Amino acid sequence: MYLLYADESGDKGLIGNQSPTKYFILSSFILEDKNWHNILSSFINFRREIKRIYGYPIKKEIHASELIRHKGSAYEHLKTPQQGIEIYLNHLKFLGSLNVLNVKTISVLILKEFCKENINFFDTAWTFLMQRFHNYLKFSGESKGIIFSDVTDGKTLSKLQRKLRRYNPVPDKFKNKPYNDPMMTIIEDPVLKNSVDSYFIQAADSIAYSISQLVFPNKIIRRNKLKEAYFYLENLFMKEACNNNLGIVIYPPNKDKELITLKKEKPFLKEGHTLAGPTSPFGGSDPQ
């Protein structure tokens, strides 16, 4: 069985009075049940290193936007804003190293300003994500999967999944009308978990945040040249599930080309930012 942990970035409202963001992002952290304990142990070891280096409590949530913006309760435990940046980057580097345990990620990026006014961002993003997860499960040997999400609109999400379990329209290359591919690989309704209680949902949060900063970097990200931090995760990208090499389903689809040309230059961690090495839980040294 495969477990998908998901988190959102941005919001589902229309641009304007309803929404301060130009995007809605849905990211996932996917693992196989047989590797669950080993992956959890890797996270615990990583958090112990973070605590040893920065004094950041093991049970304290890693929330990417708080770490970068120097806001929220995260900074009760950090001495400088730079430490928040270091934890964020080390978190991404660590996640990228988990490809050895068959961890995958696929995300959905909706660029609101280019969408039709009547589109439902929430339903569209979740449909795309569940369809990709369903396809991955089908072609990996008829495995089953279950979804865990950070707290969101649970009723709407469950209703959507139940609908797709019976009617999942897929475009047919040879016909003018779609065919039905019922989403029977994903069992149960999505399980809602508070990100505070899940290292894996916190991982999805960092992935989603890194995508938001790849497309719409804030001043701190630009100043510290961290825009391409997302590419620390390249080993995890489920490239076969999208039409680009980014591991991101982009909507509207004609916006793919603008992002495919992005340079994959991972930001260097300055001296003292990390103790990463071949055996480190941070997942290896900086790119050379």
Protein backbone atom coordinates (compact mmCIF):
# COMPACT_ATOMS: atom_id res chain seq x y z
CA MET A 1 0.00 0.00 0.00
CA TYR A 2 1.08 3.56 -0.70
CA LEU A 3 0.38 6.49 1.61
CA LEU A 4 0.04 10.02 0.26
CA TYR A 5 0.43 12.95 2.66
CA ALA A 6 -0.76 16.29 1.28
CA ASP A 7 -0.71 19.97 2.14
CA GLU A 8 -1.85 23.15 0.43
CA SER A 9 -0.17 26.52 -0.14
CA GLY A 10 -2.00 29.66 -1.14
CA ASP A 11 -5.78 29.56 -0.98
CA LYS A 12 -8.77 28.54 -3.08
CA GLY A 13 -10.36 31.99 -3.38
CA LEU A 14 -10.50 34.11 -6.52
CA ILE A 15 -7.88 36.83 -6.92
CA GLY A 16 -9.10 40.07 -5.39
CA ASN A 17 -11.10 40.54 -2.25
CA GLN A 18 -11.42 36.80 -1.66
CA SER A 19 -7.74 35.94 -2.00
CA PRO A 20 -4.37 37.60 -1.42
CA THR A 21 -2.49 34.98 -3.49
CA LYS A 22 -2.08 34.38 -7.22
CA TYR A 23 -1.74 30.63 -6.85
CA PHE A 24 -3.15 27.50 -5.28
CA ILE A 25 -0.63 24.70 -4.72
CA LEU A 26 -1.26 21.16 -3.57
CA SER A 27 1.81 19.04 -2.81
CA SER A 28 2.29 15.44 -1.77
CA PHE A 29 4.79 13.25 0.04
CA ILE A 30 4.27 9.63 -1.06
CA LEU A 31 5.72 6.53 0.56
CA GLU A 32 5.19 2.78 0.61
CA ASP A 33 3.85 1.16 3.76
CA LYS A 34 6.77 -1.28 4.03
CA ASN A 35 9.16 1.70 4.32
CA TRP A 36 7.03 3.69 6.77
CA HIS A 37 9.00 2.81 9.92
CA ASN A 38 12.41 3.37 8.29
CA ILE A 39 11.31 6.73 6.92
CA LEU A 40 9.92 7.80 10.29
CA SER A 41 13.22 6.80 11.93
CA SER A 42 15.07 8.93 9.37
CA PHE A 43 12.85 11.90 10.24
CA ILE A 44 13.47 11.42 13.96
CA ASN A 45 17.24 11.29 13.37
CA PHE A 46 17.01 14.43 11.25
CA ARG A 47 15.04 16.27 13.93
CA ARG A 48 17.58 15.21 16.57
CA GLU A 49 20.31 16.80 14.47
CA ILE A 50 18.26 19.97 14.08
CA LYS A 51 17.78 20.09 17.84
CA ARG A 52 21.48 19.49 18.48
CA ILE A 53 22.59 22.23 16.08
CA TYR A 54 19.87 24.86 16.56
CA GLY A 55 18.10 23.89 19.77
CA TYR A 56 14.85 23.53 17.81
CA PRO A 57 12.59 21.07 19.69
CA ILE A 58 11.97 17.68 18.07
CA LYS A 59 8.20 17.97 18.50
CA LYS A 60 8.01 21.54 17.21
CA GLU A 61 6.43 21.83 13.78
CA ILE A 62 8.64 22.72 10.83
CA HIS A 63 6.45 25.28 9.06
CA ALA A 64 8.35 26.66 6.07
CA SER A 65 6.74 30.09 5.77
CA GLU A 66 7.22 30.82 9.49
CA LEU A 67 10.87 29.79 9.31
CA ILE A 68 11.54 32.04 6.34
CA ARG A 69 9.47 35.07 7.41
CA HIS A 70 10.76 35.01 10.98
CA LYS A 71 7.19 34.98 12.27
CA GLY A 72 5.08 32.69 14.40
CA SER A 73 5.97 30.51 17.35
CA ALA A 74 8.89 28.90 15.51
CA TYR A 75 11.17 31.77 16.47
CA GLU A 76 10.74 31.30 20.17
CA HIS A 77 13.45 28.67 19.80
CA LEU A 78 15.81 30.30 17.26
CA LYS A 79 18.49 32.91 17.83
CA THR A 80 18.55 34.52 14.39
CA PRO A 81 16.45 34.70 11.18
CA GLN A 82 19.32 32.96 9.40
CA GLN A 83 18.75 29.83 11.46
CA GLY A 84 15.20 29.59 10.11
CA ILE A 85 16.55 29.70 6.56
CA GLU A 86 19.10 27.01 7.39
CA ILE A 87 16.48 24.67 8.85
CA TYR A 88 14.27 25.16 5.79
CA LEU A 89 17.08 24.33 3.35
CA ASN A 90 18.32 21.40 5.40
CA HIS A 91 14.77 20.07 5.53
CA LEU A 92 14.54 20.10 1.73
CA LYS A 93 17.97 18.49 1.38
CA PHE A 94 16.98 15.77 3.80
CA LEU A 95 13.71 15.11 1.96
CA GLY A 96 15.59 14.86 -1.33
CA SER A 97 17.78 12.10 0.11
CA LEU A 98 14.77 9.86 0.80
CA ASN A 99 14.65 8.61 -2.79
CA VAL A 100 16.67 5.65 -1.47
CA LEU A 101 13.49 4.65 0.41
CA ASN A 102 11.32 5.08 -2.70
CA VAL A 103 9.70 8.34 -1.58
CA LYS A 104 7.96 10.28 -4.37
CA THR A 105 6.37 13.68 -4.76
CA ILE A 106 3.90 15.14 -7.24
CA SER A 107 2.35 18.59 -6.95
CA VAL A 108 -0.35 20.67 -8.60
CA LEU A 109 0.17 24.37 -9.30
CA ILE A 110 -2.83 26.46 -10.33
CA LEU A 111 -2.01 29.93 -11.66
CA LYS A 112 -5.23 31.73 -10.83
CA GLU A 113 -4.86 34.81 -13.00
CA PHE A 114 -4.80 32.68 -16.16
CA CYS A 115 -7.84 30.54 -15.26
CA LYS A 116 -11.45 30.92 -16.28
CA GLU A 117 -13.51 32.70 -13.64
CA ASN A 118 -15.81 29.76 -12.97
CA ILE A 119 -13.10 27.24 -12.10
CA ASN A 120 -13.14 25.64 -8.65
CA PHE A 121 -9.46 25.73 -7.63
CA PHE A 122 -9.89 23.29 -4.74
CA ASP A 123 -11.72 20.60 -6.74
CA THR A 124 -9.44 21.01 -9.75
CA ALA A 125 -6.21 20.67 -7.78
CA TRP A 126 -7.39 17.69 -5.75
CA THR A 127 -8.79 15.97 -8.85
CA PHE A 128 -5.45 16.32 -10.64
CA LEU A 129 -3.53 15.05 -7.62
CA MET A 130 -5.80 12.07 -7.00
CA GLN A 131 -5.79 11.15 -10.70
CA ARG A 132 -1.97 11.10 -10.75
CA PHE A 133 -1.84 9.07 -7.54
CA HIS A 134 -4.42 6.65 -8.98
CA ASN A 135 -2.40 6.22 -12.19
CA TYR A 136 0.79 5.64 -10.22
CA LEU A 137 -0.93 2.95 -8.15
CA LYS A 138 -2.37 1.27 -11.25
CA PHE A 139 0.94 1.02 -13.02
CA SER A 140 2.91 -0.05 -9.95
CA GLY A 141 1.17 -3.40 -9.72
CA GLU A 142 -2.42 -2.70 -8.72
CA SER A 143 -1.41 -1.48 -5.26
CA LYS A 144 -3.89 0.38 -3.08
CA GLY A 145 -3.42 3.82 -1.61
CA ILE A 146 -4.81 6.08 1.08
CA ILE A 147 -4.64 9.87 1.46
CA PHE A 148 -3.74 11.86 4.56
CA SER A 149 -4.20 15.62 4.38
CA ASP A 150 -3.57 18.59 6.60
CA VAL A 151 -6.82 19.99 7.98
CA THR A 152 -8.86 21.30 5.04
CA ASP A 153 -12.44 21.18 3.76
CA GLY A 154 -12.91 17.53 4.65
CA LYS A 155 -16.56 17.21 3.58
CA THR A 156 -15.89 18.62 0.13
CA LEU A 157 -12.77 16.48 -0.28
CA SER A 158 -14.53 13.26 0.74
CA LYS A 159 -17.44 14.04 -1.59
CA LEU A 160 -15.00 14.61 -4.46
CA GLN A 161 -13.12 11.36 -3.86
CA ARG A 162 -16.36 9.35 -3.63
CA LYS A 163 -17.46 10.84 -6.94
CA LEU A 164 -14.15 9.98 -8.64
CA ARG A 165 -14.37 6.46 -7.26
CA ARG A 166 -17.37 5.99 -9.54
CA TYR A 167 -16.81 8.46 -12.36
CA ASN A 168 -13.31 9.60 -13.28
CA PRO A 169 -13.38 11.03 -16.83
CA VAL A 170 -10.08 10.63 -18.69
CA PRO A 171 -9.39 12.14 -22.15
CA ASP A 172 -9.15 9.57 -24.93
CA LYS A 173 -6.46 10.27 -27.53
CA PHE A 174 -8.42 8.46 -30.23
CA LYS A 175 -11.97 9.61 -29.47
CA ASN A 176 -13.68 12.94 -28.96
CA LYS A 177 -15.18 11.97 -25.63
CA PRO A 178 -13.48 10.84 -22.39
CA TYR A 179 -13.69 7.33 -21.00
CA ASN A 180 -14.46 6.41 -17.41
CA ASP A 181 -11.58 5.14 -15.23
CA PRO A 182 -13.12 4.66 -11.75
CA MET A 183 -10.62 5.54 -9.04
CA MET A 184 -10.80 2.19 -7.23
CA THR A 185 -7.15 2.13 -6.18
CA ILE A 186 -7.61 4.79 -3.47
CA ILE A 187 -9.45 3.39 -0.46
CA GLU A 188 -11.36 5.14 2.35
CA ASP A 189 -12.14 8.83 2.58
CA PRO A 190 -9.14 11.14 3.00
CA VAL A 191 -7.90 11.21 6.59
CA LEU A 192 -7.39 14.70 8.04
CA LYS A 193 -4.40 15.17 10.34
CA ASN A 194 -3.07 18.34 11.91
CA SER A 195 0.38 19.05 10.48
CA VAL A 196 1.67 19.62 14.02
CA ASP A 197 1.26 15.88 14.59
CA SER A 198 2.76 14.63 11.32
CA TYR A 199 6.34 14.94 10.08
CA PHE A 200 5.12 13.73 6.68
CA ILE A 201 2.52 16.48 6.26
CA GLN A 202 5.18 18.97 7.35
CA ALA A 203 7.28 17.55 4.49
CA ALA A 204 4.44 18.26 2.06
CA ASP A 205 4.24 21.81 3.48
CA SER A 206 7.92 22.45 2.74
CA ILE A 207 7.50 21.05 -0.77
CA ALA A 208 4.48 23.28 -1.46
CA TYR A 209 6.22 26.34 -0.04
CA SER A 210 9.34 25.74 -2.15
CA ILE A 211 7.15 25.62 -5.28
CA SER A 212 5.43 28.88 -4.33
CA GLN A 213 8.85 30.51 -3.98
CA LEU A 214 10.04 29.05 -7.26
CA VAL A 215 7.21 30.89 -9.03
CA PHE A 216 6.49 33.87 -6.74
CA PRO A 217 9.60 34.39 -4.57
CA ASN A 218 9.30 36.85 -1.69
CA LYS A 219 11.95 39.42 -0.74
CA ILE A 220 13.74 37.13 1.71
CA ILE A 221 13.95 34.31 -0.82
CA ARG A 222 15.25 36.68 -3.53
CA ARG A 223 17.75 38.35 -1.23
CA ASN A 224 19.21 35.02 -0.13
CA LYS A 225 19.05 33.50 -3.64
CA LEU A 226 16.87 30.59 -2.52
CA LYS A 227 14.40 30.57 -5.42
CA GLU A 228 15.60 27.23 -6.80
CA ALA A 229 15.63 25.39 -3.45
CA TYR A 230 12.81 23.21 -4.80
CA PHE A 231 15.34 21.34 -6.94
CA TYR A 232 16.88 19.76 -3.86
CA LEU A 233 13.88 17.43 -4.25
CA GLU A 234 14.60 16.45 -7.84
CA ASN A 235 15.33 12.81 -6.98
CA LEU A 236 11.74 12.50 -5.71
CA PHE A 237 9.93 14.04 -8.70
CA MET A 238 7.22 11.81 -10.18
CA LYS A 239 8.05 13.05 -13.67
CA GLU A 240 6.00 10.39 -15.40
CA ALA A 241 2.85 11.90 -13.89
CA CYS A 242 3.17 15.31 -15.55
CA ASN A 243 4.07 16.84 -18.91
CA ASN A 244 7.31 18.41 -17.75
CA ASN A 245 10.47 17.58 -15.82
CA LEU A 246 9.43 19.48 -12.69
CA GLY A 247 7.18 16.96 -10.95
CA ILE A 248 4.43 19.60 -11.08
CA VAL A 249 1.07 19.48 -12.85
CA ILE A 250 0.60 23.08 -13.98
CA TYR A 251 -2.79 24.58 -14.79
CA PRO A 252 -3.56 26.11 -17.22
CA PRO A 253 -1.36 23.60 -19.11
CA ASN A 254 -0.05 26.15 -21.62
CA LYS A 255 1.96 27.72 -18.76
CA ASP A 256 4.24 24.65 -18.53
CA LYS A 257 6.77 26.00 -21.01
CA GLU A 258 7.48 29.12 -18.97
CA LEU A 259 8.60 27.05 -15.98
CA ILE A 260 10.38 24.17 -17.74
CA THR A 261 13.17 26.55 -18.74
CA LEU A 262 13.99 27.45 -15.14
CA LYS A 263 17.59 26.87 -14.13
CA LYS A 264 18.03 23.98 -11.74
CA GLU A 265 20.59 25.74 -9.59
CA LYS A 266 20.31 24.57 -6.02
CA PRO A 267 21.26 27.33 -3.55
CA PHE A 268 24.52 26.78 -1.72
CA LEU A 269 24.45 26.61 2.05
CA LYS A 270 27.09 28.96 3.37
CA GLU A 271 29.79 27.67 5.67
CA GLY A 272 28.27 26.82 9.04
CA HIS A 273 24.77 26.35 7.65
CA THR A 274 24.90 22.57 7.69
CA LEU A 275 26.89 19.60 8.89
CA ALA A 276 25.75 17.58 5.89
CA GLY A 277 27.89 14.71 4.67
CA PRO A 278 27.55 11.27 3.11
CA THR A 279 26.17 9.72 6.31
CA SER A 280 24.35 12.80 7.58
CA PRO A 281 20.58 12.83 8.05
CA PHE A 282 20.68 16.07 6.06
CA GLY A 283 21.19 13.98 2.95
CA GLY A 284 24.62 14.77 1.52
CA SER A 285 26.83 17.74 0.80
CA ASP A 286 26.05 20.83 -1.24
CA PRO A 287 26.16 20.61 -5.04
CA GLN A 288 29.56 21.30 -6.50
